[in-house]
C-alpha atoms as a PDB file:
ATOM      1  CA  UNK A   1     -32.738 -49.598  83.800  1.00  0.00           C
ATOM      2  CA  UNK A   2     -36.284 -50.788  84.172  1.00  0.00           C
ATOM      3  CA  UNK A   3     -38.907 -49.773  86.620  1.00  0.00           C
ATOM      4  CA  UNK A   4     -39.344 -51.026  90.135  1.00  0.00           C
ATOM      5  CA  UNK A   5     -42.944 -51.813  89.264  1.00  0.00           C
ATOM      6  CA  UNK A   6     -41.783 -53.931  86.327  1.00  0.00           C
ATOM      7  CA  UNK A   7     -39.314 -55.815  88.499  1.00  0.00           C
ATOM      8  CA  UNK A   8     -42.016 -56.397  91.111  1.00  0.00           C
ATOM      9  CA  UNK A   9     -44.395 -57.777  88.468  1.00  0.00           C
ATOM     10  CA  UNK A  10     -41.668 -60.080  87.181  1.00  0.00           C
ATOM     11  CA  UNK A  11     -40.936 -61.405  90.685  1.00  0.00           C
ATOM     12  CA  UNK A  12     -44.640 -61.810  91.428  1.00  0.00           C
ATOM     13  CA  UNK A  13     -45.035 -63.718  88.166  1.00  0.00           C
ATOM     14  CA  UNK A  14     -42.157 -66.042  88.996  1.00  0.00           C
ATOM     15  CA  UNK A  15     -43.731 -66.842  92.367  1.00  0.00           C
ATOM     16  CA  UNK A  16     -47.108 -67.527  90.760  1.00  0.00           C
ATOM     17  CA  UNK A  17     -45.526 -69.763  88.139  1.00  0.00           C
ATOM     18  CA  UNK A  18     -43.646 -71.734  90.788  1.00  0.00           C
ATOM     19  CA  UNK A  19     -46.786 -72.059  92.920  1.00  0.00           C
ATOM     20  CA  UNK A  20     -48.721 -73.167  89.846  1.00  0.00           C
ATOM     21  CA  UNK A  21     -46.101 -75.811  89.142  1.00  0.00           C
ATOM     22  CA  UNK A  22     -46.233 -77.114  92.702  1.00  0.00           C
ATOM     23  CA  UNK A  23     -50.026 -77.152  92.804  1.00  0.00           C
ATOM     24  CA  UNK A  24     -50.349 -78.361  89.218  1.00  0.00           C
ATOM     25  CA  UNK A  25     -52.568 -75.305  88.578  1.00  0.00           C
ATOM     26  CA  UNK A  26     -52.331 -74.194  84.946  1.00  0.00           C
ATOM     27  CA  UNK A  27     -54.439 -71.083  85.612  1.00  0.00           C
ATOM     28  CA  UNK A  28     -51.988 -69.859  88.250  1.00  0.00           C
ATOM     29  CA  UNK A  29     -49.042 -70.572  85.942  1.00  0.00           C
ATOM     30  CA  UNK A  30     -50.773 -68.539  83.216  1.00  0.00           C
ATOM     31  CA  UNK A  31     -51.294 -65.642  85.635  1.00  0.00           C
ATOM     32  CA  UNK A  32     -47.596 -65.788  86.442  1.00  0.00           C
ATOM     33  CA  UNK A  33     -46.697 -65.682  82.770  1.00  0.00           C
ATOM     34  CA  UNK A  34     -48.981 -62.673  82.281  1.00  0.00           C
ATOM     35  CA  UNK A  35     -47.420 -60.877  85.261  1.00  0.00           C
ATOM     36  CA  UNK A  36     -43.908 -61.516  83.967  1.00  0.00           C
ATOM     37  CA  UNK A  37     -44.882 -60.258  80.508  1.00  0.00           C
ATOM     38  CA  UNK A  38     -46.425 -57.159  82.048  1.00  0.00           C
ATOM     39  CA  UNK A  39     -43.254 -56.550  84.052  1.00  0.00           C
ATOM     40  CA  UNK A  40     -41.052 -56.883  80.987  1.00  0.00           C
ATOM     41  CA  UNK A  41     -43.274 -54.468  79.070  1.00  0.00           C
ATOM     42  CA  UNK A  42     -43.158 -51.921  81.901  1.00  0.00           C
ATOM     43  CA  UNK A  43     -39.362 -52.180  81.914  1.00  0.00           C
ATOM     44  CA  UNK A  44     -39.167 -51.590  78.162  1.00  0.00           C
ATOM     45  CA  UNK A  45     -41.543 -48.617  78.343  1.00  0.00           C
ATOM     46  CA  UNK A  46     -39.498 -47.147  81.199  1.00  0.00           C
ATOM     47  CA  UNK A  47     -36.272 -47.595  79.234  1.00  0.00           C
ATOM     48  CA  UNK A  48     -37.798 -45.969  76.138  1.00  0.00           C
ATOM     49  CA  UNK A  49     -39.080 -43.084  78.246  1.00  0.00           C
ATOM     50  CA  UNK A  50     -35.573 -42.537  79.649  1.00  0.00           C
ATOM     51  CA  UNK A  51     -34.026 -42.562  76.166  1.00  0.00           C
ATOM     52  CA  UNK A  52     -36.583 -40.080  74.866  1.00  0.00           C
ATOM     53  CA  UNK A  53     -35.930 -37.809  77.837  1.00  0.00           C
ATOM     54  CA  UNK A  54     -32.182 -37.980  77.183  1.00  0.00           C
ATOM     55  CA  UNK A  55     -32.715 -37.146  73.505  1.00  0.00           C
ATOM     56  CA  UNK A  56     -34.907 -34.177  74.387  1.00  0.00           C
ATOM     57  CA  UNK A  57     -32.289 -32.925  76.842  1.00  0.00           C
ATOM     58  CA  UNK A  58     -29.579 -33.230  74.180  1.00  0.00           C
ATOM     59  CA  UNK A  59     -31.684 -31.242  71.706  1.00  0.00           C
ATOM     60  CA  UNK A  60     -32.369 -28.564  74.329  1.00  0.00           C
ATOM     61  CA  UNK A  61     -28.630 -28.340  75.028  1.00  0.00           C
ATOM     62  CA  UNK A  62     -27.895 -27.834  71.329  1.00  0.00           C
ATOM     63  CA  UNK A  63     -30.615 -25.228  70.921  1.00  0.00           C
ATOM     64  CA  UNK A  64     -29.618 -23.258  74.009  1.00  0.00           C
ATOM     65  CA  UNK A  65     -25.882 -23.753  73.480  1.00  0.00           C
ATOM     66  CA  UNK A  66     -25.388 -25.328  76.891  1.00  0.00           C
ATOM     67  CA  UNK A  67     -21.720 -26.340  77.117  1.00  0.00           C
ATOM     68  CA  UNK A  68     -22.086 -28.145  80.478  1.00  0.00           C
ATOM     69  CA  UNK A  69     -23.165 -31.478  79.060  1.00  0.00           C
ATOM     70  CA  UNK A  70     -22.764 -34.432  81.418  1.00  0.00           C
END
């Protein structure tokens, strides 16, 4: 799934990396790499959060005997 914030950081990082390449600016390229890494991490955290939420819901369903599982 990923978060919108993570996708935004990835896109922002790609732009910075491209601008750094064009301007031959290693600092800007490094910022882009950091932004992309941050975006990927946010996506992974968001995915893990979703999986944990799903697991908790499944446990609640078993405990309460909810038969209307989706």
